[in-house]
Amino acid sequence: MIIEGNVARHELIGLEATVASSPDPSLVGAEGRIIDETRNTLVMARRGSGRTVRVPKDGARFRFALPDGSTAELDGSSIAFRPEDRVKRCR
């Protein structure tokens, strides 16, 4: 079960996310469902338009809506690993 304390160890694809802060001001406030993840980026399908936005993890802070209705915030630098490695390293 995904809870605030273990978000980094779980699959992020499929979660709703919001960019809480970013070095690129045009990305702050971007929200949508995560549809892909690489070592350095998260790709989100924006609500409403369905357009995608690629957000660099480094320097950004993300707010995730968890399945139980709560939210969790993570620094992008703390999850800046390949998805398969992130699950192992974020213990």
PDB file of N, CA and C in Angstrom:
ATOM      1  N   MET A   1       0.836  -1.168   0.000  1.00  0.00           N
ATOM      2  CA  MET A   1       0.000   0.000   0.000  1.00  0.00           C
ATOM      3  C   MET A   1       0.891   1.245   0.000  1.00  0.00           C
ATOM      4  N   ILE A   2       0.529   2.199  -0.836  1.00  0.00           N
ATOM      5  CA  ILE A   2       1.298   3.436  -0.919  1.00  0.00           C
ATOM      6  C   ILE A   2       0.813   4.401   0.158  1.00  0.00           C
ATOM      7  N   ILE A   3       1.762   4.839   0.981  1.00  0.00           N
ATOM      8  CA  ILE A   3       1.469   5.863   1.988  1.00  0.00           C
ATOM      9  C   ILE A   3       2.533   6.951   1.865  1.00  0.00           C
ATOM     10  N   GLU A   4       2.354   8.037   2.572  1.00  0.00           N
ATOM     11  CA  GLU A   4       3.262   9.181   2.450  1.00  0.00           C
ATOM     12  C   GLU A   4       4.722   8.802   2.685  1.00  0.00           C
ATOM     13  N   GLY A   5       4.984   7.929   3.607  1.00  0.00           N
ATOM     14  CA  GLY A   5       6.354   7.574   3.960  1.00  0.00           C
ATOM     15  C   GLY A   5       7.064   6.661   2.986  1.00  0.00           C
ATOM     16  N   ASN A   6       6.331   6.029   2.046  1.00  0.00           N
ATOM     17  CA  ASN A   6       6.993   5.084   1.157  1.00  0.00           C
ATOM     18  C   ASN A   6       6.719   5.324  -0.333  1.00  0.00           C
ATOM     19  N   VAL A   7       6.300   6.513  -0.690  1.00  0.00           N
ATOM     20  CA  VAL A   7       5.981   6.822  -2.088  1.00  0.00           C
ATOM     21  C   VAL A   7       7.167   6.555  -3.004  1.00  0.00           C
ATOM     22  N   ALA A   8       8.364   6.931  -2.594  1.00  0.00           N
ATOM     23  CA  ALA A   8       9.550   6.795  -3.441  1.00  0.00           C
ATOM     24  C   ALA A   8       9.864   5.346  -3.779  1.00  0.00           C
ATOM     25  N   ARG A   9       9.387   4.414  -2.991  1.00  0.00           N
ATOM     26  CA  ARG A   9       9.666   3.002  -3.238  1.00  0.00           C
ATOM     27  C   ARG A   9       8.619   2.340  -4.113  1.00  0.00           C
ATOM     28  N   HIS A  10       7.616   3.064  -4.549  1.00  0.00           N
ATOM     29  CA  HIS A  10       6.528   2.487  -5.336  1.00  0.00           C
ATOM     30  C   HIS A  10       6.531   3.022  -6.763  1.00  0.00           C
ATOM     31  N   GLU A  11       5.730   2.394  -7.579  1.00  0.00           N
ATOM     32  CA  GLU A  11       5.537   2.831  -8.957  1.00  0.00           C
ATOM     33  C   GLU A  11       4.826   4.176  -8.967  1.00  0.00           C
ATOM     34  N   LEU A  12       5.363   5.130  -9.694  1.00  0.00           N
ATOM     35  CA  LEU A  12       4.766   6.461  -9.762  1.00  0.00           C
ATOM     36  C   LEU A  12       3.802   6.593 -10.943  1.00  0.00           C
ATOM     37  N   ILE A  13       3.995   5.778 -11.970  1.00  0.00           N
ATOM     38  CA  ILE A  13       3.129   5.855 -13.143  1.00  0.00           C
ATOM     39  C   ILE A  13       1.697   5.540 -12.728  1.00  0.00           C
ATOM     40  N   GLY A  14       0.790   6.421 -13.122  1.00  0.00           N
ATOM     41  CA  GLY A  14      -0.619   6.274 -12.785  1.00  0.00           C
ATOM     42  C   GLY A  14      -1.069   7.195 -11.670  1.00  0.00           C
ATOM     43  N   LEU A  15      -0.121   7.751 -10.908  1.00  0.00           N
ATOM     44  CA  LEU A  15      -0.483   8.675  -9.835  1.00  0.00           C
ATOM     45  C   LEU A  15      -0.745  10.074 -10.392  1.00  0.00           C
ATOM     46  N   GLU A  16      -1.639  10.794  -9.749  1.00  0.00           N
ATOM     47  CA  GLU A  16      -1.860  12.199 -10.072  1.00  0.00           C
ATOM     48  C   GLU A  16      -0.771  13.000  -9.370  1.00  0.00           C
ATOM     49  N   ALA A  17      -0.205  13.974 -10.080  1.00  0.00           N
ATOM     50  CA  ALA A  17       0.889  14.765  -9.518  1.00  0.00           C
ATOM     51  C   ALA A  17       0.745  16.228  -9.890  1.00  0.00           C
ATOM     52  N   THR A  18       1.325  17.068  -9.046  1.00  0.00           N
ATOM     53  CA  THR A  18       1.388  18.509  -9.283  1.00  0.00           C
ATOM     54  C   THR A  18       2.828  18.942  -9.064  1.00  0.00           C
ATOM     55  N   VAL A  19       3.321  19.828  -9.908  1.00  0.00           N
ATOM     56  CA  VAL A  19       4.661  20.378  -9.727  1.00  0.00           C
ATOM     57  C   VAL A  19       4.536  21.522  -8.727  1.00  0.00           C
ATOM     58  N   ALA A  20       5.028  21.301  -7.510  1.00  0.00           N
ATOM     59  CA  ALA A  20       4.923  22.299  -6.447  1.00  0.00           C
ATOM     60  C   ALA A  20       5.949  23.412  -6.620  1.00  0.00           C
ATOM     61  N   SER A  21       7.149  23.064  -7.082  1.00  0.00           N
ATOM     62  CA  SER A  21       8.169  24.073  -7.369  1.00  0.00           C
ATOM     63  C   SER A  21       9.114  23.511  -8.420  1.00  0.00           C
ATOM     64  N   SER A  22       9.730  24.419  -9.154  1.00  0.00           N
ATOM     65  CA  SER A  22      10.640  24.016 -10.220  1.00  0.00           C
ATOM     66  C   SER A  22      11.528  25.197 -10.582  1.00  0.00           C
ATOM     67  N   PRO A  23      12.753  24.935 -11.044  1.00  0.00           N
ATOM     68  CA  PRO A  23      13.596  26.027 -11.527  1.00  0.00           C
ATOM     69  C   PRO A  23      12.984  26.722 -12.754  1.00  0.00           C
ATOM     70  N   ASP A  24      12.126  25.994 -13.488  1.00  0.00           N
ATOM     71  CA  ASP A  24      11.436  26.559 -14.650  1.00  0.00           C
ATOM     72  C   ASP A  24      10.053  27.028 -14.202  1.00  0.00           C
ATOM     73  N   PRO A  25       9.835  28.336 -14.079  1.00  0.00           N
ATOM     74  CA  PRO A  25       8.562  28.840 -13.560  1.00  0.00           C
ATOM     75  C   PRO A  25       7.347  28.439 -14.391  1.00  0.00           C
ATOM     76  N   SER A  26       7.535  28.119 -15.667  1.00  0.00           N
ATOM     77  CA  SER A  26       6.394  27.732 -16.500  1.00  0.00           C
ATOM     78  C   SER A  26       5.855  26.354 -16.125  1.00  0.00           C
ATOM     79  N   LEU A  27       6.629  25.571 -15.374  1.00  0.00           N
ATOM     80  CA  LEU A  27       6.187  24.234 -14.973  1.00  0.00           C
ATOM     81  C   LEU A  27       5.485  24.222 -13.616  1.00  0.00           C
ATOM     82  N   VAL A  28       5.683  25.256 -12.812  1.00  0.00           N
ATOM     83  CA  VAL A  28       5.071  25.303 -11.485  1.00  0.00           C
ATOM     84  C   VAL A  28       3.549  25.309 -11.634  1.00  0.00           C
ATOM     85  N   GLY A  29       2.903  24.396 -10.931  1.00  0.00           N
ATOM     86  CA  GLY A  29       1.450  24.277 -10.992  1.00  0.00           C
ATOM     87  C   GLY A  29       0.959  23.291 -12.034  1.00  0.00           C
ATOM     88  N   ALA A  30       1.856  22.781 -12.876  1.00  0.00           N
ATOM     89  CA  ALA A  30       1.442  21.775 -13.862  1.00  0.00           C
ATOM     90  C   ALA A  30       0.938  20.553 -13.112  1.00  0.00           C
ATOM     91  N   GLU A  31      -0.197  20.040 -13.535  1.00  0.00           N
ATOM     92  CA  GLU A  31      -0.744  18.867 -12.856  1.00  0.00           C
ATOM     93  C   GLU A  31      -1.315  17.903 -13.873  1.00  0.00           C
ATOM     94  N   GLY A  32      -1.311  16.651 -13.503  1.00  0.00           N
ATOM     95  CA  GLY A  32      -1.841  15.615 -14.375  1.00  0.00           C
ATOM     96  C   GLY A  32      -1.432  14.243 -13.891  1.00  0.00           C
ATOM     97  N   ARG A  33      -1.743  13.242 -14.696  1.00  0.00           N
ATOM     98  CA  ARG A  33      -1.428  11.853 -14.365  1.00  0.00           C
ATOM     99  C   ARG A  33      -0.059  11.510 -14.944  1.00  0.00           C
ATOM    100  N   ILE A  34       0.776  10.863 -14.144  1.00  0.00           N
ATOM    101  CA  ILE A  34       2.101  10.457 -14.618  1.00  0.00           C
ATOM    102  C   ILE A  34       1.918   9.283 -15.573  1.00  0.00           C
ATOM    103  N   ILE A  35       2.460   9.451 -16.787  1.00  0.00           N
ATOM    104  CA  ILE A  35       2.312   8.398 -17.790  1.00  0.00           C
ATOM    105  C   ILE A  35       3.640   7.743 -18.158  1.00  0.00           C
ATOM    106  N   ASP A  36       4.754   8.367 -17.772  1.00  0.00           N
ATOM    107  CA  ASP A  36       6.060   7.776 -18.059  1.00  0.00           C
ATOM    108  C   ASP A  36       7.075   8.363 -17.089  1.00  0.00           C
ATOM    109  N   GLU A  37       8.159   7.612 -16.891  1.00  0.00           N
ATOM    110  CA  GLU A  37       9.228   8.064 -16.000  1.00  0.00           C
ATOM    111  C   GLU A  37      10.551   7.601 -16.560  1.00  0.00           C
ATOM    112  N   THR A  38      11.515   8.508 -16.581  1.00  0.00           N
ATOM    113  CA  THR A  38      12.887   8.160 -16.936  1.00  0.00           C
ATOM    114  C   THR A  38      13.764   8.491 -15.735  1.00  0.00           C
ATOM    115  N   ARG A  39      15.054   8.316 -15.890  1.00  0.00           N
ATOM    116  CA  ARG A  39      15.962   8.611 -14.787  1.00  0.00           C
ATOM    117  C   ARG A  39      15.876  10.072 -14.371  1.00  0.00           C
ATOM    118  N   ASN A  40      15.717  10.969 -15.329  1.00  0.00           N
ATOM    119  CA  ASN A  40      15.777  12.390 -15.033  1.00  0.00           C
ATOM    120  C   ASN A  40      14.464  13.148 -15.175  1.00  0.00           C
ATOM    121  N   THR A  41      13.406  12.496 -15.662  1.00  0.00           N
ATOM    122  CA  THR A  41      12.158  13.219 -15.907  1.00  0.00           C
ATOM    123  C   THR A  41      10.925  12.414 -15.525  1.00  0.00           C
ATOM    124  N   LEU A  42       9.836  13.146 -15.297  1.00  0.00           N
ATOM    125  CA  LEU A  42       8.503  12.566 -15.191  1.00  0.00           C
ATOM    126  C   LEU A  42       7.684  13.152 -16.336  1.00  0.00           C
ATOM    127  N   VAL A  43       6.899  12.318 -17.011  1.00  0.00           N
ATOM    128  CA  VAL A  43       6.035  12.782 -18.084  1.00  0.00           C
ATOM    129  C   VAL A  43       4.604  12.698 -17.574  1.00  0.00           C
ATOM    130  N   MET A  44       3.903  13.849 -17.648  1.00  0.00           N
ATOM    131  CA  MET A  44       2.531  13.911 -17.143  1.00  0.00           C
ATOM    132  C   MET A  44       1.586  14.271 -18.280  1.00  0.00           C
ATOM    133  N   ALA A  45       0.410  13.632 -18.294  1.00  0.00           N
ATOM    134  CA  ALA A  45      -0.674  14.019 -19.202  1.00  0.00           C
ATOM    135  C   ALA A  45      -1.489  15.054 -18.448  1.00  0.00           C
ATOM    136  N   ARG A  46      -1.523  16.275 -18.969  1.00  0.00           N
ATOM    137  CA  ARG A  46      -2.207  17.364 -18.277  1.00  0.00           C
ATOM    138  C   ARG A  46      -3.708  17.139 -18.258  1.00  0.00           C
ATOM    139  N   ARG A  47      -4.323  17.567 -17.174  1.00  0.00           N
ATOM    140  CA  ARG A  47      -5.773  17.459 -17.045  1.00  0.00           C
ATOM    141  C   ARG A  47      -6.446  18.347 -18.074  1.00  0.00           C
ATOM    142  N   GLY A  48      -7.565  17.889 -18.563  1.00  0.00           N
ATOM    143  CA  GLY A  48      -8.344  18.688 -19.509  1.00  0.00           C
ATOM    144  C   GLY A  48      -7.844  18.560 -20.928  1.00  0.00           C
ATOM    145  N   SER A  49      -6.659  19.082 -21.204  1.00  0.00           N
ATOM    146  CA  SER A  49      -6.156  19.096 -22.582  1.00  0.00           C
ATOM    147  C   SER A  49      -5.600  17.747 -23.016  1.00  0.00           C
ATOM    148  N   GLY A  50      -5.102  16.954 -22.069  1.00  0.00           N
ATOM    149  CA  GLY A  50      -4.499  15.673 -22.414  1.00  0.00           C
ATOM    150  C   GLY A  50      -3.100  15.818 -22.987  1.00  0.00           C
ATOM    151  N   ARG A  51      -2.607  17.040 -23.115  1.00  0.00           N
ATOM    152  CA  ARG A  51      -1.247  17.250 -23.604  1.00  0.00           C
ATOM    153  C   ARG A  51      -0.251  16.763 -22.563  1.00  0.00           C
ATOM    154  N   THR A  52       0.909  16.394 -23.052  1.00  0.00           N
ATOM    155  CA  THR A  52       1.922  15.906 -22.121  1.00  0.00           C
ATOM    156  C   THR A  52       2.946  16.996 -21.832  1.00  0.00           C
ATOM    157  N   VAL A  53       3.499  16.910 -20.648  1.00  0.00           N
ATOM    158  CA  VAL A  53       4.571  17.814 -20.239  1.00  0.00           C
ATOM    159  C   VAL A  53       5.649  16.954 -19.580  1.00  0.00           C
ATOM    160  N   ARG A  54       6.895  17.197 -19.978  1.00  0.00           N
ATOM    161  CA  ARG A  54       8.042  16.468 -19.423  1.00  0.00           C
ATOM    162  C   ARG A  54       8.713  17.385 -18.406  1.00  0.00           C
ATOM    163  N   VAL A  55       8.746  16.922 -17.157  1.00  0.00           N
ATOM    164  CA  VAL A  55       9.274  17.749 -16.069  1.00  0.00           C
ATOM    165  C   VAL A  55      10.579  17.141 -15.555  1.00  0.00           C
ATOM    166  N   PRO A  56      11.677  17.890 -15.615  1.00  0.00           N
ATOM    167  CA  PRO A  56      12.935  17.387 -15.048  1.00  0.00           C
ATOM    168  C   PRO A  56      12.788  17.188 -13.533  1.00  0.00           C
ATOM    169  N   LYS A  57      13.287  16.074 -13.042  1.00  0.00           N
ATOM    170  CA  LYS A  57      13.202  15.781 -11.608  1.00  0.00           C
ATOM    171  C   LYS A  57      14.129  16.692 -10.798  1.00  0.00           C
ATOM    172  N   ASP A  58      15.329  16.917 -11.301  1.00  0.00           N
ATOM    173  CA  ASP A  58      16.327  17.664 -10.545  1.00  0.00           C
ATOM    174  C   ASP A  58      15.872  19.101 -10.306  1.00  0.00           C
ATOM    175  N   GLY A  59      15.819  19.486  -9.064  1.00  0.00           N
ATOM    176  CA  GLY A  59      15.439  20.835  -8.691  1.00  0.00           C
ATOM    177  C   GLY A  59      13.951  21.054  -8.505  1.00  0.00           C
ATOM    178  N   ALA A  60      13.141  20.083  -8.896  1.00  0.00           N
ATOM    179  CA  ALA A  60      11.690  20.228  -8.776  1.00  0.00           C
ATOM    180  C   ALA A  60      11.186  19.562  -7.497  1.00  0.00           C
ATOM    181  N   ARG A  61      10.010  19.962  -7.082  1.00  0.00           N
ATOM    182  CA  ARG A  61       9.331  19.333  -5.943  1.00  0.00           C
ATOM    183  C   ARG A  61       7.949  18.939  -6.434  1.00  0.00           C
ATOM    184  N   PHE A  62       7.565  17.673  -6.171  1.00  0.00           N
ATOM    185  CA  PHE A  62       6.307  17.128  -6.669  1.00  0.00           C
ATOM    186  C   PHE A  62       5.359  16.811  -5.520  1.00  0.00           C
ATOM    187  N   ARG A  63       4.079  17.049  -5.749  1.00  0.00           N
ATOM    188  CA  ARG A  63       3.029  16.681  -4.798  1.00  0.00           C
ATOM    189  C   ARG A  63       2.206  15.578  -5.469  1.00  0.00           C
ATOM    190  N   PHE A  64       2.153  14.419  -4.820  1.00  0.00           N
ATOM    191  CA  PHE A  64       1.445  13.258  -5.365  1.00  0.00           C
ATOM    192  C   PHE A  64       0.145  13.035  -4.611  1.00  0.00           C
ATOM    193  N   ALA A  65      -0.925  12.762  -5.342  1.00  0.00           N
ATOM    194  CA  ALA A  65      -2.202  12.380  -4.740  1.00  0.00           C
ATOM    195  C   ALA A  65      -2.183  10.857  -4.615  1.00  0.00           C
ATOM    196  N   LEU A  66      -2.283  10.370  -3.395  1.00  0.00           N
ATOM    197  CA  LEU A  66      -2.204   8.938  -3.137  1.00  0.00           C
ATOM    198  C   LEU A  66      -3.590   8.295  -3.222  1.00  0.00           C
ATOM    199  N   PRO A  67      -3.635   6.983  -3.464  1.00  0.00           N
ATOM    200  CA  PRO A  67      -4.919   6.296  -3.614  1.00  0.00           C
ATOM    201  C   PRO A  67      -5.854   6.421  -2.406  1.00  0.00           C
ATOM    202  N   ASP A  68      -5.306   6.602  -1.198  1.00  0.00           N
ATOM    203  CA  ASP A  68      -6.160   6.701  -0.008  1.00  0.00           C
ATOM    204  C   ASP A  68      -6.707   8.116   0.200  1.00  0.00           C
ATOM    205  N   GLY A  69      -6.399   9.040  -0.725  1.00  0.00           N
ATOM    206  CA  GLY A  69      -6.906  10.402  -0.635  1.00  0.00           C
ATOM    207  C   GLY A  69      -5.937  11.394  -0.013  1.00  0.00           C
ATOM    208  N   SER A  70      -4.845  10.926   0.552  1.00  0.00           N
ATOM    209  CA  SER A  70      -3.852  11.828   1.137  1.00  0.00           C
ATOM    210  C   SER A  70      -2.876  12.305   0.057  1.00  0.00           C
ATOM    211  N   THR A  71      -1.981  13.197   0.440  1.00  0.00           N
ATOM    212  CA  THR A  71      -0.964  13.677  -0.491  1.00  0.00           C
ATOM    213  C   THR A  71       0.417  13.492   0.122  1.00  0.00           C
ATOM    214  N   ALA A  72       1.409  13.452  -0.743  1.00  0.00           N
ATOM    215  CA  ALA A  72       2.800  13.344  -0.312  1.00  0.00           C
ATOM    216  C   ALA A  72       3.638  14.227  -1.216  1.00  0.00           C
ATOM    217  N   GLU A  73       4.644  14.888  -0.645  1.00  0.00           N
ATOM    218  CA  GLU A  73       5.558  15.720  -1.425  1.00  0.00           C
ATOM    219  C   GLU A  73       6.945  15.106  -1.401  1.00  0.00           C
ATOM    220  N   LEU A  74       7.595  15.129  -2.567  1.00  0.00           N
ATOM    221  CA  LEU A  74       8.954  14.608  -2.693  1.00  0.00           C
ATOM    222  C   LEU A  74       9.799  15.578  -3.498  1.00  0.00           C
ATOM    223  N   ASP A  75      11.054  15.701  -3.114  1.00  0.00           N
ATOM    224  CA  ASP A  75      12.011  16.436  -3.933  1.00  0.00           C
ATOM    225  C   ASP A  75      12.384  15.549  -5.114  1.00  0.00           C
ATOM    226  N   GLY A  76      12.435  16.139  -6.283  1.00  0.00           N
ATOM    227  CA  GLY A  76      12.787  15.377  -7.474  1.00  0.00           C
ATOM    228  C   GLY A  76      14.165  14.756  -7.386  1.00  0.00           C
ATOM    229  N   SER A  77      15.090  15.445  -6.722  1.00  0.00           N
ATOM    230  CA  SER A  77      16.444  14.901  -6.606  1.00  0.00           C
ATOM    231  C   SER A  77      16.474  13.612  -5.782  1.00  0.00           C
ATOM    232  N   SER A  78      15.503  13.411  -4.901  1.00  0.00           N
ATOM    233  CA  SER A  78      15.473  12.188  -4.090  1.00  0.00           C
ATOM    234  C   SER A  78      14.943  10.988  -4.875  1.00  0.00           C
ATOM    235  N   ILE A  79      14.337  11.247  -6.037  1.00  0.00           N
ATOM    236  CA  ILE A  79      13.827  10.147  -6.866  1.00  0.00           C
ATOM    237  C   ILE A  79      14.490  10.140  -8.239  1.00  0.00           C
ATOM    238  N   ALA A  80      15.628  10.823  -8.370  1.00  0.00           N
ATOM    239  CA  ALA A  80      16.318  10.945  -9.656  1.00  0.00           C
ATOM    240  C   ALA A  80      17.152   9.704  -9.953  1.00  0.00           C
ATOM    241  N   PHE A  81      16.486   8.591 -10.099  1.00  0.00           N
ATOM    242  CA  PHE A  81      17.096   7.323 -10.481  1.00  0.00           C
ATOM    243  C   PHE A  81      16.218   6.702 -11.557  1.00  0.00           C
ATOM    244  N   ARG A  82      16.746   5.711 -12.262  1.00  0.00           N
ATOM    245  CA  ARG A  82      15.885   4.953 -13.159  1.00  0.00           C
ATOM    246  C   ARG A  82      14.806   4.309 -12.288  1.00  0.00           C
ATOM    247  N   PRO A  83      13.587   4.167 -12.811  1.00  0.00           N
ATOM    248  CA  PRO A  83      12.500   3.636 -11.984  1.00  0.00           C
ATOM    249  C   PRO A  83      12.843   2.307 -11.316  1.00  0.00           C
ATOM    250  N   GLU A  84      13.492   1.427 -12.045  1.00  0.00           N
ATOM    251  CA  GLU A  84      13.826   0.124 -11.463  1.00  0.00           C
ATOM    252  C   GLU A  84      14.890   0.230 -10.376  1.00  0.00           C
ATOM    253  N   ASP A  85      15.771   1.224 -10.458  1.00  0.00           N
ATOM    254  CA  ASP A  85      16.787   1.432  -9.426  1.00  0.00           C
ATOM    255  C   ASP A  85      16.233   2.211  -8.244  1.00  0.00           C
ATOM    256  N   ARG A  86      15.309   3.133  -8.511  1.00  0.00           N
ATOM    257  CA  ARG A  86      14.720   3.954  -7.447  1.00  0.00           C
ATOM    258  C   ARG A  86      14.048   3.082  -6.398  1.00  0.00           C
ATOM    259  N   VAL A  87      13.367   2.043  -6.826  1.00  0.00           N
ATOM    260  CA  VAL A  87      12.673   1.151  -5.910  1.00  0.00           C
ATOM    261  C   VAL A  87      13.667   0.501  -4.940  1.00  0.00           C
ATOM    262  N   LYS A  88      14.863   0.196  -5.430  1.00  0.00           N
ATOM    263  CA  LYS A  88      15.893  -0.436  -4.592  1.00  0.00           C
ATOM    264  C   LYS A  88      16.616   0.574  -3.699  1.00  0.00           C
ATOM    265  N   ARG A  89      16.917   1.769  -4.224  1.00  0.00           N
ATOM    266  CA  ARG A  89      17.741   2.744  -3.517  1.00  0.00           C
ATOM    267  C   ARG A  89      17.005   3.546  -2.467  1.00  0.00           C
ATOM    268  N   CYS A  90      15.732   3.741  -2.641  1.00  0.00           N
ATOM    269  CA  CYS A  90      14.955   4.609  -1.718  1.00  0.00           C
ATOM    270  C   CYS A  90      14.397   3.791  -0.556  1.00  0.00           C
ATOM    271  N   ARG A  91      15.265   3.200   0.206  1.00  0.00           N
ATOM    272  CA  ARG A  91      14.824   2.386   1.349  1.00  0.00           C
ATOM    273  C   ARG A  91      15.058   3.128   2.634  1.00  0.00           C
TER     274      ARG A  91
END
